[in-house]
Amino acid sequence: MQEIAALLLCKLGGKSGSADEIKAVIEAAGGEADADQISKLVGDVEGKDVNELLAEGMDKLKDVPMGGGGGGGDAAAEEEEKEEEEEEEAGDAPVVDMFGADDGGDY
């Protein structure tokens, strides 16, 4: 994946996306470049337009269901609110003398 990301960064930067450029981007980001993966990627995209490849990929993704259940988020939020309310109620305990003196005077 880092090879593809580096290729796209090269293309965005106006570069050709050669193996050396891809390697330089990966190493500049602190990664370790895999020469085999880079050469395979360069061979696969040679002579192809990156924008067309991305468009083809988007066409394939449009049929993939990407919705989530989504339900239950409110239930978790309500439960969290209840816990907060309980904590607040517990914090309103009456003030008592920790040392057992009943005189109510100064310490």
PDB file of N, CA and C in Angstrom:
ATOM      1  N   MET A   1       0.814  -1.203   0.000  1.00  0.00           N
ATOM      2  CA  MET A   1       0.000   0.000   0.000  1.00  0.00           C
ATOM      3  C   MET A   1       0.853   1.261   0.000  1.00  0.00           C
ATOM      4  N   GLN A   2       1.989   1.212   0.699  1.00  0.00           N
ATOM      5  CA  GLN A   2       2.820   2.403   0.748  1.00  0.00           C
ATOM      6  C   GLN A   2       3.375   2.728  -0.633  1.00  0.00           C
ATOM      7  N   GLU A   3       3.579   1.722  -1.455  1.00  0.00           N
ATOM      8  CA  GLU A   3       4.073   1.955  -2.802  1.00  0.00           C
ATOM      9  C   GLU A   3       3.040   2.703  -3.634  1.00  0.00           C
ATOM     10  N   ILE A   4       1.781   2.300  -3.501  1.00  0.00           N
ATOM     11  CA  ILE A   4       0.707   2.970  -4.242  1.00  0.00           C
ATOM     12  C   ILE A   4       0.551   4.403  -3.764  1.00  0.00           C
ATOM     13  N   ALA A   5       0.591   4.597  -2.451  1.00  0.00           N
ATOM     14  CA  ALA A   5       0.477   5.944  -1.903  1.00  0.00           C
ATOM     15  C   ALA A   5       1.624   6.825  -2.393  1.00  0.00           C
ATOM     16  N   ALA A   6       2.829   6.265  -2.424  1.00  0.00           N
ATOM     17  CA  ALA A   6       3.980   7.025  -2.901  1.00  0.00           C
ATOM     18  C   ALA A   6       3.839   7.363  -4.378  1.00  0.00           C
ATOM     19  N   LEU A   7       3.332   6.422  -5.174  1.00  0.00           N
ATOM     20  CA  LEU A   7       3.097   6.692  -6.589  1.00  0.00           C
ATOM     21  C   LEU A   7       2.108   7.835  -6.767  1.00  0.00           C
ATOM     22  N   LEU A   8       1.022   7.797  -6.016  1.00  0.00           N
ATOM     23  CA  LEU A   8       0.020   8.856  -6.126  1.00  0.00           C
ATOM     24  C   LEU A   8       0.585  10.204  -5.695  1.00  0.00           C
ATOM     25  N   LEU A   9       1.412  10.204  -4.655  1.00  0.00           N
ATOM     26  CA  LEU A   9       2.044  11.457  -4.234  1.00  0.00           C
ATOM     27  C   LEU A   9       2.971  11.991  -5.318  1.00  0.00           C
ATOM     28  N   CYS A  10       3.692  11.099  -5.971  1.00  0.00           N
ATOM     29  CA  CYS A  10       4.554  11.530  -7.079  1.00  0.00           C
ATOM     30  C   CYS A  10       3.726  12.152  -8.193  1.00  0.00           C
ATOM     31  N   LYS A  11       2.643  11.493  -8.551  1.00  0.00           N
ATOM     32  CA  LYS A  11       1.786  12.003  -9.627  1.00  0.00           C
ATOM     33  C   LYS A  11       1.178  13.354  -9.251  1.00  0.00           C
ATOM     34  N   LEU A  12       0.750  13.479  -7.998  1.00  0.00           N
ATOM     35  CA  LEU A  12       0.200  14.764  -7.554  1.00  0.00           C
ATOM     36  C   LEU A  12       1.247  15.870  -7.590  1.00  0.00           C
ATOM     37  N   GLY A  13       2.490  15.486  -7.359  1.00  0.00           N
ATOM     38  CA  GLY A  13       3.588  16.448  -7.376  1.00  0.00           C
ATOM     39  C   GLY A  13       4.123  16.731  -8.766  1.00  0.00           C
ATOM     40  N   GLY A  14       3.514  16.146  -9.788  1.00  0.00           N
ATOM     41  CA  GLY A  14       3.933  16.399 -11.153  1.00  0.00           C
ATOM     42  C   GLY A  14       5.090  15.530 -11.614  1.00  0.00           C
ATOM     43  N   LYS A  15       5.427  14.525 -10.861  1.00  0.00           N
ATOM     44  CA  LYS A  15       6.526  13.616 -11.227  1.00  0.00           C
ATOM     45  C   LYS A  15       5.988  12.486 -12.096  1.00  0.00           C
ATOM     46  N   SER A  16       6.911  11.717 -12.665  1.00  0.00           N
ATOM     47  CA  SER A  16       6.504  10.617 -13.545  1.00  0.00           C
ATOM     48  C   SER A  16       6.089   9.377 -12.759  1.00  0.00           C
ATOM     49  N   GLY A  17       6.591   9.230 -11.542  1.00  0.00           N
ATOM     50  CA  GLY A  17       6.273   8.051 -10.748  1.00  0.00           C
ATOM     51  C   GLY A  17       7.209   6.894 -11.044  1.00  0.00           C
ATOM     52  N   SER A  18       8.461   7.211 -11.316  1.00  0.00           N
ATOM     53  CA  SER A  18       9.441   6.155 -11.586  1.00  0.00           C
ATOM     54  C   SER A  18       9.765   5.406 -10.292  1.00  0.00           C
ATOM     55  N   ALA A  19      10.436   4.281 -10.433  1.00  0.00           N
ATOM     56  CA  ALA A  19      10.785   3.465  -9.275  1.00  0.00           C
ATOM     57  C   ALA A  19      11.659   4.246  -8.299  1.00  0.00           C
ATOM     58  N   ASP A  20      12.598   5.029  -8.828  1.00  0.00           N
ATOM     59  CA  ASP A  20      13.475   5.822  -7.958  1.00  0.00           C
ATOM     60  C   ASP A  20      12.697   6.897  -7.207  1.00  0.00           C
ATOM     61  N   GLU A  21      11.740   7.526  -7.876  1.00  0.00           N
ATOM     62  CA  GLU A  21      10.929   8.562  -7.229  1.00  0.00           C
ATOM     63  C   GLU A  21      10.049   7.963  -6.133  1.00  0.00           C
ATOM     64  N   ILE A  22       9.469   6.818  -6.418  1.00  0.00           N
ATOM     65  CA  ILE A  22       8.624   6.142  -5.426  1.00  0.00           C
ATOM     66  C   ILE A  22       9.454   5.756  -4.205  1.00  0.00           C
ATOM     67  N   LYS A  23      10.649   5.205  -4.462  1.00  0.00           N
ATOM     68  CA  LYS A  23      11.547   4.819  -3.375  1.00  0.00           C
ATOM     69  C   LYS A  23      11.924   6.035  -2.537  1.00  0.00           C
ATOM     70  N   ALA A  24      12.200   7.145  -3.186  1.00  0.00           N
ATOM     71  CA  ALA A  24      12.590   8.361  -2.471  1.00  0.00           C
ATOM     72  C   ALA A  24      11.465   8.865  -1.575  1.00  0.00           C
ATOM     73  N   VAL A  25      10.234   8.787  -2.056  1.00  0.00           N
ATOM     74  CA  VAL A  25       9.081   9.242  -1.255  1.00  0.00           C
ATOM     75  C   VAL A  25       8.920   8.358  -0.029  1.00  0.00           C
ATOM     76  N   ILE A  26       9.011   7.043  -0.201  1.00  0.00           N
ATOM     77  CA  ILE A  26       8.850   6.113   0.918  1.00  0.00           C
ATOM     78  C   ILE A  26       9.938   6.335   1.964  1.00  0.00           C
ATOM     79  N   GLU A  27      11.169   6.473   1.512  1.00  0.00           N
ATOM     80  CA  GLU A  27      12.272   6.667   2.450  1.00  0.00           C
ATOM     81  C   GLU A  27      12.205   8.027   3.127  1.00  0.00           C
ATOM     82  N   ALA A  28      11.711   9.040   2.417  1.00  0.00           N
ATOM     83  CA  ALA A  28      11.561  10.368   3.025  1.00  0.00           C
ATOM     84  C   ALA A  28      10.527  10.344   4.147  1.00  0.00           C
ATOM     85  N   ALA A  29       9.564   9.430   4.031  1.00  0.00           N
ATOM     86  CA  ALA A  29       8.529   9.307   5.062  1.00  0.00           C
ATOM     87  C   ALA A  29       8.972   8.386   6.191  1.00  0.00           C
ATOM     88  N   GLY A  30      10.181   7.855   6.099  1.00  0.00           N
ATOM     89  CA  GLY A  30      10.681   6.988   7.161  1.00  0.00           C
ATOM     90  C   GLY A  30      10.362   5.527   6.958  1.00  0.00           C
ATOM     91  N   GLY A  31       9.853   5.157   5.789  1.00  0.00           N
ATOM     92  CA  GLY A  31       9.516   3.765   5.520  1.00  0.00           C
ATOM     93  C   GLY A  31      10.664   3.025   4.864  1.00  0.00           C
ATOM     94  N   GLU A  32      10.472   1.733   4.722  1.00  0.00           N
ATOM     95  CA  GLU A  32      11.462   0.889   4.065  1.00  0.00           C
ATOM     96  C   GLU A  32      10.904   0.469   2.712  1.00  0.00           C
ATOM     97  N   ALA A  33      11.582   0.871   1.650  1.00  0.00           N
ATOM     98  CA  ALA A  33      11.109   0.601   0.295  1.00  0.00           C
ATOM     99  C   ALA A  33      11.403  -0.843  -0.096  1.00  0.00           C
ATOM    100  N   ASP A  34      10.409  -1.510  -0.673  1.00  0.00           N
ATOM    101  CA  ASP A  34      10.558  -2.873  -1.170  1.00  0.00           C
ATOM    102  C   ASP A  34      10.721  -2.786  -2.692  1.00  0.00           C
ATOM    103  N   ALA A  35      11.921  -3.033  -3.166  1.00  0.00           N
ATOM    104  CA  ALA A  35      12.230  -2.871  -4.596  1.00  0.00           C
ATOM    105  C   ALA A  35      11.366  -3.773  -5.470  1.00  0.00           C
ATOM    106  N   ASP A  36      11.062  -4.984  -5.005  1.00  0.00           N
ATOM    107  CA  ASP A  36      10.232  -5.903  -5.796  1.00  0.00           C
ATOM    108  C   ASP A  36       8.819  -5.356  -5.962  1.00  0.00           C
ATOM    109  N   GLN A  37       8.244  -4.869  -4.870  1.00  0.00           N
ATOM    110  CA  GLN A  37       6.887  -4.308  -4.931  1.00  0.00           C
ATOM    111  C   GLN A  37       6.848  -3.066  -5.819  1.00  0.00           C
ATOM    112  N   ILE A  38       7.868  -2.247  -5.706  1.00  0.00           N
ATOM    113  CA  ILE A  38       7.912  -1.025  -6.509  1.00  0.00           C
ATOM    114  C   ILE A  38       8.012  -1.361  -7.988  1.00  0.00           C
ATOM    115  N   SER A  39       8.899  -2.295  -8.343  1.00  0.00           N
ATOM    116  CA  SER A  39       9.058  -2.644  -9.760  1.00  0.00           C
ATOM    117  C   SER A  39       7.795  -3.284 -10.312  1.00  0.00           C
ATOM    118  N   LYS A  40       7.110  -4.093  -9.502  1.00  0.00           N
ATOM    119  CA  LYS A  40       5.848  -4.700  -9.943  1.00  0.00           C
ATOM    120  C   LYS A  40       4.787  -3.618 -10.174  1.00  0.00           C
ATOM    121  N   LEU A  41       4.706  -2.667  -9.244  1.00  0.00           N
ATOM    122  CA  LEU A  41       3.730  -1.588  -9.383  1.00  0.00           C
ATOM    123  C   LEU A  41       4.008  -0.751 -10.621  1.00  0.00           C
ATOM    124  N   VAL A  42       5.269  -0.383 -10.806  1.00  0.00           N
ATOM    125  CA  VAL A  42       5.631   0.434 -11.970  1.00  0.00           C
ATOM    126  C   VAL A  42       5.305  -0.309 -13.256  1.00  0.00           C
ATOM    127  N   GLY A  43       5.556  -1.614 -13.288  1.00  0.00           N
ATOM    128  CA  GLY A  43       5.218  -2.423 -14.462  1.00  0.00           C
ATOM    129  C   GLY A  43       3.721  -2.490 -14.710  1.00  0.00           C
ATOM    130  N   ASP A  44       2.943  -2.567 -13.613  1.00  0.00           N
ATOM    131  CA  ASP A  44       1.481  -2.662 -13.747  1.00  0.00           C
ATOM    132  C   ASP A  44       0.852  -1.365 -14.245  1.00  0.00           C
ATOM    133  N   VAL A  45       1.400  -0.233 -13.864  1.00  0.00           N
ATOM    134  CA  VAL A  45       0.785   1.046 -14.243  1.00  0.00           C
ATOM    135  C   VAL A  45       1.473   1.716 -15.428  1.00  0.00           C
ATOM    136  N   GLU A  46       2.497   1.069 -15.962  1.00  0.00           N
ATOM    137  CA  GLU A  46       3.223   1.656 -17.086  1.00  0.00           C
ATOM    138  C   GLU A  46       2.298   1.861 -18.285  1.00  0.00           C
ATOM    139  N   GLY A  47       2.296   3.071 -18.799  1.00  0.00           N
ATOM    140  CA  GLY A  47       1.473   3.401 -19.960  1.00  0.00           C
ATOM    141  C   GLY A  47       0.010   3.665 -19.630  1.00  0.00           C
ATOM    142  N   LYS A  48      -0.339   3.682 -18.359  1.00  0.00           N
ATOM    143  CA  LYS A  48      -1.729   3.915 -17.954  1.00  0.00           C
ATOM    144  C   LYS A  48      -1.824   5.247 -17.234  1.00  0.00           C
ATOM    145  N   ASP A  49      -2.976   5.875 -17.357  1.00  0.00           N
ATOM    146  CA  ASP A  49      -3.240   7.142 -16.679  1.00  0.00           C
ATOM    147  C   ASP A  49      -3.791   6.852 -15.278  1.00  0.00           C
ATOM    148  N   VAL A  50      -3.202   7.459 -14.291  1.00  0.00           N
ATOM    149  CA  VAL A  50      -3.607   7.217 -12.911  1.00  0.00           C
ATOM    150  C   VAL A  50      -5.062   7.627 -12.691  1.00  0.00           C
ATOM    151  N   ASN A  51      -5.493   8.712 -13.301  1.00  0.00           N
ATOM    152  CA  ASN A  51      -6.882   9.153 -13.136  1.00  0.00           C
ATOM    153  C   ASN A  51      -7.858   8.130 -13.697  1.00  0.00           C
ATOM    154  N   GLU A  52      -7.502   7.503 -14.818  1.00  0.00           N
ATOM    155  CA  GLU A  52      -8.371   6.459 -15.378  1.00  0.00           C
ATOM    156  C   GLU A  52      -8.396   5.230 -14.467  1.00  0.00           C
ATOM    157  N   LEU A  53      -7.257   4.881 -13.899  1.00  0.00           N
ATOM    158  CA  LEU A  53      -7.218   3.745 -12.966  1.00  0.00           C
ATOM    159  C   LEU A  53      -8.092   4.003 -11.742  1.00  0.00           C
ATOM    160  N   LEU A  54      -8.015   5.228 -11.224  1.00  0.00           N
ATOM    161  CA  LEU A  54      -8.847   5.573 -10.068  1.00  0.00           C
ATOM    162  C   LEU A  54     -10.328   5.545 -10.428  1.00  0.00           C
ATOM    163  N   ALA A  55     -10.675   6.020 -11.612  1.00  0.00           N
ATOM    164  CA  ALA A  55     -12.076   6.009 -12.047  1.00  0.00           C
ATOM    165  C   ALA A  55     -12.589   4.579 -12.190  1.00  0.00           C
ATOM    166  N   GLU A  56     -11.748   3.692 -12.743  1.00  0.00           N
ATOM    167  CA  GLU A  56     -12.142   2.288 -12.871  1.00  0.00           C
ATOM    168  C   GLU A  56     -12.361   1.666 -11.491  1.00  0.00           C
ATOM    169  N   GLY A  57     -11.499   1.997 -10.566  1.00  0.00           N
ATOM    170  CA  GLY A  57     -11.642   1.475  -9.209  1.00  0.00           C
ATOM    171  C   GLY A  57     -12.910   1.967  -8.542  1.00  0.00           C
ATOM    172  N   MET A  58     -13.248   3.222  -8.765  1.00  0.00           N
ATOM    173  CA  MET A  58     -14.479   3.775  -8.181  1.00  0.00           C
ATOM    174  C   MET A  58     -15.710   3.090  -8.765  1.00  0.00           C
ATOM    175  N   ASP A  59     -15.658   2.769 -10.056  1.00  0.00           N
ATOM    176  CA  ASP A  59     -16.778   2.045 -10.671  1.00  0.00           C
ATOM    177  C   ASP A  59     -16.964   0.681 -10.023  1.00  0.00           C
ATOM    178  N   LYS A  60     -15.870   0.026  -9.684  1.00  0.00           N
ATOM    179  CA  LYS A  60     -15.956  -1.278  -9.031  1.00  0.00           C
ATOM    180  C   LYS A  60     -16.480  -1.143  -7.604  1.00  0.00           C
ATOM    181  N   LEU A  61     -16.133  -0.065  -6.944  1.00  0.00           N
ATOM    182  CA  LEU A  61     -16.550   0.123  -5.554  1.00  0.00           C
ATOM    183  C   LEU A  61     -18.017   0.518  -5.408  1.00  0.00           C
ATOM    184  N   LYS A  62     -18.610   1.031  -6.461  1.00  0.00           N
ATOM    185  CA  LYS A  62     -19.994   1.504  -6.324  1.00  0.00           C
ATOM    186  C   LYS A  62     -20.971   0.377  -6.012  1.00  0.00           C
ATOM    187  N   ASP A  63     -20.611  -0.858  -6.338  1.00  0.00           N
ATOM    188  CA  ASP A  63     -21.490  -1.995  -6.072  1.00  0.00           C
ATOM    189  C   ASP A  63     -21.244  -2.642  -4.712  1.00  0.00           C
ATOM    190  N   VAL A  64     -20.242  -2.175  -4.005  1.00  0.00           N
ATOM    191  CA  VAL A  64     -19.923  -2.743  -2.696  1.00  0.00           C
ATOM    192  C   VAL A  64     -20.773  -2.049  -1.639  1.00  0.00           C
ATOM    193  N   PRO A  65     -21.537  -2.812  -0.856  1.00  0.00           N
ATOM    194  CA  PRO A  65     -22.344  -2.177   0.190  1.00  0.00           C
ATOM    195  C   PRO A  65     -21.444  -1.587   1.269  1.00  0.00           C
ATOM    196  N   MET A  66     -21.628  -0.305   1.540  1.00  0.00           N
ATOM    197  CA  MET A  66     -20.764   0.364   2.507  1.00  0.00           C
ATOM    198  C   MET A  66     -21.541   1.001   3.635  1.00  0.00           C
ATOM    199  N   GLY A  67     -22.742   0.567   3.854  1.00  0.00           N
ATOM    200  CA  GLY A  67     -23.520   1.117   4.949  1.00  0.00           C
ATOM    201  C   GLY A  67     -23.293   0.299   6.192  1.00  0.00           C
ATOM    202  N   GLY A  68     -23.462   0.914   7.306  1.00  0.00           N
ATOM    203  CA  GLY A  68     -23.351   0.193   8.560  1.00  0.00           C
ATOM    204  C   GLY A  68     -24.712   0.127   9.195  1.00  0.00           C
ATOM    205  N   GLY A  69     -24.836  -0.692  10.188  1.00  0.00           N
ATOM    206  CA  GLY A  69     -26.096  -0.760  10.927  1.00  0.00           C
ATOM    207  C   GLY A  69     -26.417   0.594  11.511  1.00  0.00           C
ATOM    208  N   GLY A  70     -25.409   1.216  12.077  1.00  0.00           N
ATOM    209  CA  GLY A  70     -25.571   2.569  12.575  1.00  0.00           C
ATOM    210  C   GLY A  70     -26.447   2.668  13.805  1.00  0.00           C
ATOM    211  N   GLY A  71     -27.365   1.756  13.980  1.00  0.00           N
ATOM    212  CA  GLY A  71     -28.235   1.806  15.141  1.00  0.00           C
ATOM    213  C   GLY A  71     -27.472   1.484  16.399  1.00  0.00           C
ATOM    214  N   GLY A  72     -27.955   1.968  17.497  1.00  0.00           N
ATOM    215  CA  GLY A  72     -27.306   1.653  18.761  1.00  0.00           C
ATOM    216  C   GLY A  72     -26.397   2.758  19.235  1.00  0.00           C
ATOM    217  N   GLY A  73     -26.054   3.672  18.376  1.00  0.00           N
ATOM    218  CA  GLY A  73     -25.207   4.777  18.796  1.00  0.00           C
ATOM    219  C   GLY A  73     -25.907   5.640  19.824  1.00  0.00           C
ATOM    220  N   ASP A  74     -27.207   5.836  19.646  1.00  0.00           N
ATOM    221  CA  ASP A  74     -27.966   6.633  20.598  1.00  0.00           C
ATOM    222  C   ASP A  74     -28.110   5.918  21.935  1.00  0.00           C
ATOM    223  N   ALA A  75     -28.261   4.603  21.884  1.00  0.00           N
ATOM    224  CA  ALA A  75     -28.412   3.847  23.126  1.00  0.00           C
ATOM    225  C   ALA A  75     -27.153   3.951  23.979  1.00  0.00           C
ATOM    226  N   ALA A  76     -26.010   3.902  23.331  1.00  0.00           N
ATOM    227  CA  ALA A  76     -24.753   4.021  24.071  1.00  0.00           C
ATOM    228  C   ALA A  76     -24.625   5.423  24.659  1.00  0.00           C
ATOM    229  N   ALA A  77     -25.051   6.428  23.909  1.00  0.00           N
ATOM    230  CA  ALA A  77     -24.973   7.801  24.405  1.00  0.00           C
ATOM    231  C   ALA A  77     -25.927   7.998  25.577  1.00  0.00           C
ATOM    232  N   GLU A  78     -27.118   7.408  25.500  1.00  0.00           N
ATOM    233  CA  GLU A  78     -28.078   7.530  26.595  1.00  0.00           C
ATOM    234  C   GLU A  78     -27.544   6.857  27.856  1.00  0.00           C
ATOM    235  N   GLU A  79     -26.926   5.699  27.680  1.00  0.00           N
ATOM    236  CA  GLU A  79     -26.377   4.984  28.828  1.00  0.00           C
ATOM    237  C   GLU A  79     -25.260   5.807  29.476  1.00  0.00           C
ATOM    238  N   GLU A  80     -24.452   6.442  28.654  1.00  0.00           N
ATOM    239  CA  GLU A  80     -23.364   7.265  29.179  1.00  0.00           C
ATOM    240  C   GLU A  80     -23.928   8.457  29.948  1.00  0.00           C
ATOM    241  N   GLU A  81     -25.011   9.053  29.434  1.00  0.00           N
ATOM    242  CA  GLU A  81     -25.637  10.175  30.131  1.00  0.00           C
ATOM    243  C   GLU A  81     -26.181   9.732  31.483  1.00  0.00           C
ATOM    244  N   LYS A  82     -26.785   8.545  31.538  1.00  0.00           N
ATOM    245  CA  LYS A  82     -27.315   8.038  32.800  1.00  0.00           C
ATOM    246  C   LYS A  82     -26.196   7.851  33.809  1.00  0.00           C
ATOM    247  N   GLU A  83     -25.056   7.329  33.348  1.00  0.00           N
ATOM    248  CA  GLU A  83     -23.922   7.134  34.245  1.00  0.00           C
ATOM    249  C   GLU A  83     -23.439   8.472  34.790  1.00  0.00           C
ATOM    250  N   GLU A  84     -23.405   9.498  33.933  1.00  0.00           N
ATOM    251  CA  GLU A  84     -22.975  10.815  34.376  1.00  0.00           C
ATOM    252  C   GLU A  84     -23.938  11.373  35.420  1.00  0.00           C
ATOM    253  N   GLU A  85     -25.252  11.177  35.208  1.00  0.00           N
ATOM    254  CA  GLU A  85     -26.239  11.663  36.160  1.00  0.00           C
ATOM    255  C   GLU A  85     -26.058  10.966  37.506  1.00  0.00           C
ATOM    256  N   GLU A  86     -25.816   9.653  37.480  1.00  0.00           N
ATOM    257  CA  GLU A  86     -25.626   8.912  38.715  1.00  0.00           C
ATOM    258  C   GLU A  86     -24.386   9.411  39.449  1.00  0.00           C
ATOM    259  N   GLU A  87     -23.324   9.712  38.719  1.00  0.00           N
ATOM    260  CA  GLU A  87     -22.117  10.221  39.341  1.00  0.00           C
ATOM    261  C   GLU A  87     -22.373  11.571  39.994  1.00  0.00           C
ATOM    262  N   GLU A  88     -23.150  12.416  39.334  1.00  0.00           N
ATOM    263  CA  GLU A  88     -23.459  13.727  39.890  1.00  0.00           C
ATOM    264  C   GLU A  88     -24.269  13.589  41.174  1.00  0.00           C
ATOM    265  N   GLU A  89     -25.227  12.669  41.175  1.00  0.00           N
ATOM    266  CA  GLU A  89     -26.035  12.465  42.364  1.00  0.00           C
ATOM    267  C   GLU A  89     -25.177  11.971  43.518  1.00  0.00           C
ATOM    268  N   ALA A  90     -24.238  11.107  43.219  1.00  0.00           N
ATOM    269  CA  ALA A  90     -23.372  10.582  44.265  1.00  0.00           C
ATOM    270  C   ALA A  90     -22.479  11.681  44.814  1.00  0.00           C
ATOM    271  N   GLY A  91     -22.165  12.679  44.025  1.00  0.00           N
ATOM    272  CA  GLY A  91     -21.308  13.771  44.462  1.00  0.00           C
ATOM    273  C   GLY A  91     -22.017  14.750  45.380  1.00  0.00           C
ATOM    274  N   ASP A  92     -23.344  14.666  45.511  1.00  0.00           N
ATOM    275  CA  ASP A  92     -24.113  15.588  46.337  1.00  0.00           C
ATOM    276  C   ASP A  92     -24.342  15.040  47.742  1.00  0.00           C
ATOM    277  N   ALA A  93     -23.459  14.204  48.240  1.00  0.00           N
ATOM    278  CA  ALA A  93     -23.610  13.611  49.566  1.00  0.00           C
ATOM    279  C   ALA A  93     -23.470  14.701  50.634  1.00  0.00           C
ATOM    280  N   PRO A  94     -24.157  14.541  51.776  1.00  0.00           N
ATOM    281  CA  PRO A  94     -24.057  15.550  52.827  1.00  0.00           C
ATOM    282  C   PRO A  94     -22.645  15.613  53.409  1.00  0.00           C
ATOM    283  N   VAL A  95     -22.284  16.795  53.861  1.00  0.00           N
ATOM    284  CA  VAL A  95     -20.966  16.996  54.436  1.00  0.00           C
ATOM    285  C   VAL A  95     -20.993  16.508  55.880  1.00  0.00           C
ATOM    286  N   VAL A  96     -20.042  15.647  56.239  1.00  0.00           N
ATOM    287  CA  VAL A  96     -19.957  15.121  57.597  1.00  0.00           C
ATOM    288  C   VAL A  96     -18.544  15.311  58.103  1.00  0.00           C
ATOM    289  N   ASP A  97     -18.420  15.300  59.404  1.00  0.00           N
ATOM    290  CA  ASP A  97     -17.106  15.433  60.018  1.00  0.00           C
ATOM    291  C   ASP A  97     -16.417  14.080  59.982  1.00  0.00           C
ATOM    292  N   MET A  98     -15.249  14.031  59.383  1.00  0.00           N
ATOM    293  CA  MET A  98     -14.521  12.771  59.250  1.00  0.00           C
ATOM    294  C   MET A  98     -13.971  12.273  60.575  1.00  0.00           C
ATOM    295  N   PHE A  99     -13.827  13.163  61.571  1.00  0.00           N
ATOM    296  CA  PHE A  99     -13.180  12.769  62.819  1.00  0.00           C
ATOM    297  C   PHE A  99     -14.174  12.550  63.956  1.00  0.00           C
ATOM    298  N   GLY A 100     -15.450  12.654  63.674  1.00  0.00           N
ATOM    299  CA  GLY A 100     -16.461  12.316  64.658  1.00  0.00           C
ATOM    300  C   GLY A 100     -16.818  13.400  65.652  1.00  0.00           C
ATOM    301  N   ALA A 101     -16.334  14.593  65.486  1.00  0.00           N
ATOM    302  CA  ALA A 101     -16.679  15.669  66.428  1.00  0.00           C
ATOM    303  C   ALA A 101     -18.046  16.210  66.087  1.00  0.00           C
ATOM    304  N   ASP A 102     -18.914  16.344  67.101  1.00  0.00           N
ATOM    305  CA  ASP A 102     -20.272  16.811  66.888  1.00  0.00           C
ATOM    306  C   ASP A 102     -20.432  18.298  67.208  1.00  0.00           C
ATOM    307  N   ASP A 103     -19.401  18.937  67.687  1.00  0.00           N
ATOM    308  CA  ASP A 103     -19.584  20.302  68.169  1.00  0.00           C
ATOM    309  C   ASP A 103     -19.781  21.324  67.050  1.00  0.00           C
ATOM    310  N   GLY A 104     -19.434  20.957  65.799  1.00  0.00           N
ATOM    311  CA  GLY A 104     -19.645  21.860  64.690  1.00  0.00           C
ATOM    312  C   GLY A 104     -18.725  23.053  64.705  1.00  0.00           C
ATOM    313  N   GLY A 105     -17.743  23.047  65.593  1.00  0.00           N
ATOM    314  CA  GLY A 105     -16.832  24.164  65.684  1.00  0.00           C
ATOM    315  C   GLY A 105     -15.741  24.112  64.631  1.00  0.00           C
ATOM    316  N   ASP A 106     -14.830  25.047  64.759  1.00  0.00           N
ATOM    317  CA  ASP A 106     -13.711  25.096  63.837  1.00  0.00           C
ATOM    318  C   ASP A 106     -12.768  23.941  64.068  1.00  0.00           C
ATOM    319  N   TYR A 107     -12.010  23.635  63.102  1.00  0.00           N
ATOM    320  CA  TYR A 107     -11.082  22.516  63.208  1.00  0.00           C
ATOM    321  C   TYR A 107      -9.834  23.011  63.802  1.00  0.00           C
TER     322      TYR A 107
END
